Amino acid sequence: MSTREQVIFSATIVSDGKRVECKVRAVKTTLAPSMPPAFSEYGVMNSDETDRLPDGDNYELHISNGDRIPLKKQHGFFLARL
């Protein structure tokens, strides 16, 4: 039986040598107790620090598990770059 829950964790937005700490909301899915959980639907939570970052295509989200997700900021929202 799988379970899904919303979790919040710390991450860092990196761009041009600048680093901004942020909070990220994600969905944690556990398929079985013996398997590691999977995370999806990442969303950067707004803060004074993230709101000050300009729109642009050169952001990267560094997550504590080592994952790095390329981002762009468009109209004030962070979106995954594909």
Protein backbone atom coordinates (compact mmCIF):
# COMPACT_ATOMS: atom_id res chain seq x y z
CA MET A 1 0.00 0.00 0.00
CA SER A 2 1.44 3.37 -0.96
CA THR A 3 1.15 6.57 1.03
CA ARG A 4 1.47 10.18 -0.09
CA GLU A 5 2.12 13.12 2.18
CA GLN A 6 3.13 16.72 1.75
CA VAL A 7 6.50 17.61 3.29
CA ILE A 8 8.51 20.82 3.67
CA PHE A 9 12.30 20.91 3.73
CA SER A 10 15.20 23.32 3.35
CA ALA A 11 17.02 23.85 0.07
CA THR A 12 19.22 26.44 -1.62
CA ILE A 13 18.64 28.40 -4.82
CA VAL A 14 21.94 29.04 -6.62
CA SER A 15 22.58 31.51 -9.44
CA ASP A 16 25.73 33.27 -10.61
CA GLY A 17 27.60 32.47 -7.40
CA LYS A 18 24.76 33.69 -5.17
CA ARG A 19 23.04 31.34 -2.74
CA VAL A 20 19.60 31.92 -1.22
CA GLU A 21 18.20 29.59 1.41
CA CYS A 22 14.58 28.62 0.87
CA LYS A 23 11.85 26.21 1.88
CA VAL A 24 10.50 23.68 -0.60
CA ARG A 25 7.15 21.92 -0.51
CA ALA A 26 7.05 18.44 -2.09
CA VAL A 27 5.00 15.27 -2.15
CA LYS A 28 6.61 12.25 -0.52
CA THR A 29 5.38 8.88 -1.83
CA THR A 30 6.20 5.66 -0.02
CA LEU A 31 5.38 2.52 -1.99
CA ALA A 32 6.53 -0.06 0.55
CA PRO A 33 8.35 0.06 3.90
CA SER A 34 11.38 -1.67 2.37
CA MET A 35 11.73 0.90 -0.43
CA PRO A 36 13.10 4.45 -0.13
CA PRO A 37 10.46 7.17 -0.60
CA ALA A 38 10.16 9.14 -3.84
CA PHE A 39 9.70 12.92 -3.94
CA SER A 40 7.81 14.87 -6.61
CA GLU A 41 5.87 18.07 -7.25
CA TYR A 42 8.57 20.33 -5.81
CA GLY A 43 7.51 23.93 -5.21
CA VAL A 44 9.68 26.78 -3.92
CA MET A 45 7.85 28.61 -1.14
CA ASN A 46 7.90 32.41 -1.39
CA SER A 47 9.90 34.41 1.13
CA ASP A 48 11.41 37.89 1.26
CA GLU A 49 14.71 36.44 0.00
CA THR A 50 13.24 34.50 -2.94
CA ASP A 51 10.95 37.40 -3.88
CA ARG A 52 14.02 39.65 -4.32
CA LEU A 53 15.52 37.37 -6.98
CA PRO A 54 14.91 38.72 -10.50
CA ASP A 55 13.17 36.78 -13.25
CA GLY A 56 15.66 34.74 -15.25
CA ASP A 57 16.63 31.34 -16.64
CA ASN A 58 19.81 30.61 -14.71
CA TYR A 59 18.72 29.20 -11.34
CA GLU A 60 19.38 25.82 -9.81
CA LEU A 61 17.68 24.31 -6.76
CA HIS A 62 20.09 22.36 -4.54
CA ILE A 63 18.32 19.84 -2.33
CA SER A 64 19.90 18.29 0.76
CA ASN A 65 19.77 14.77 -0.75
CA GLY A 66 22.17 15.92 -3.49
CA ASP A 67 19.59 16.45 -6.22
CA ARG A 68 19.90 19.58 -8.35
CA ILE A 69 16.95 20.89 -10.31
CA PRO A 70 17.40 23.56 -13.00
CA LEU A 71 14.91 26.41 -12.54
CA LYS A 72 13.80 29.61 -14.15
CA LYS A 73 11.90 32.41 -12.48
CA GLN A 74 9.11 33.81 -14.61
CA HIS A 75 6.57 36.42 -13.47
CA GLY A 76 7.73 35.86 -9.90
CA PHE A 77 7.30 32.07 -9.92
CA PHE A 78 9.97 29.38 -10.02
CA LEU A 79 9.45 26.78 -12.76
CA ALA A 80 11.50 23.72 -13.69
CA ARG A 81 13.63 24.14 -16.80
CA LEU A 82 13.36 21.17 -19.11
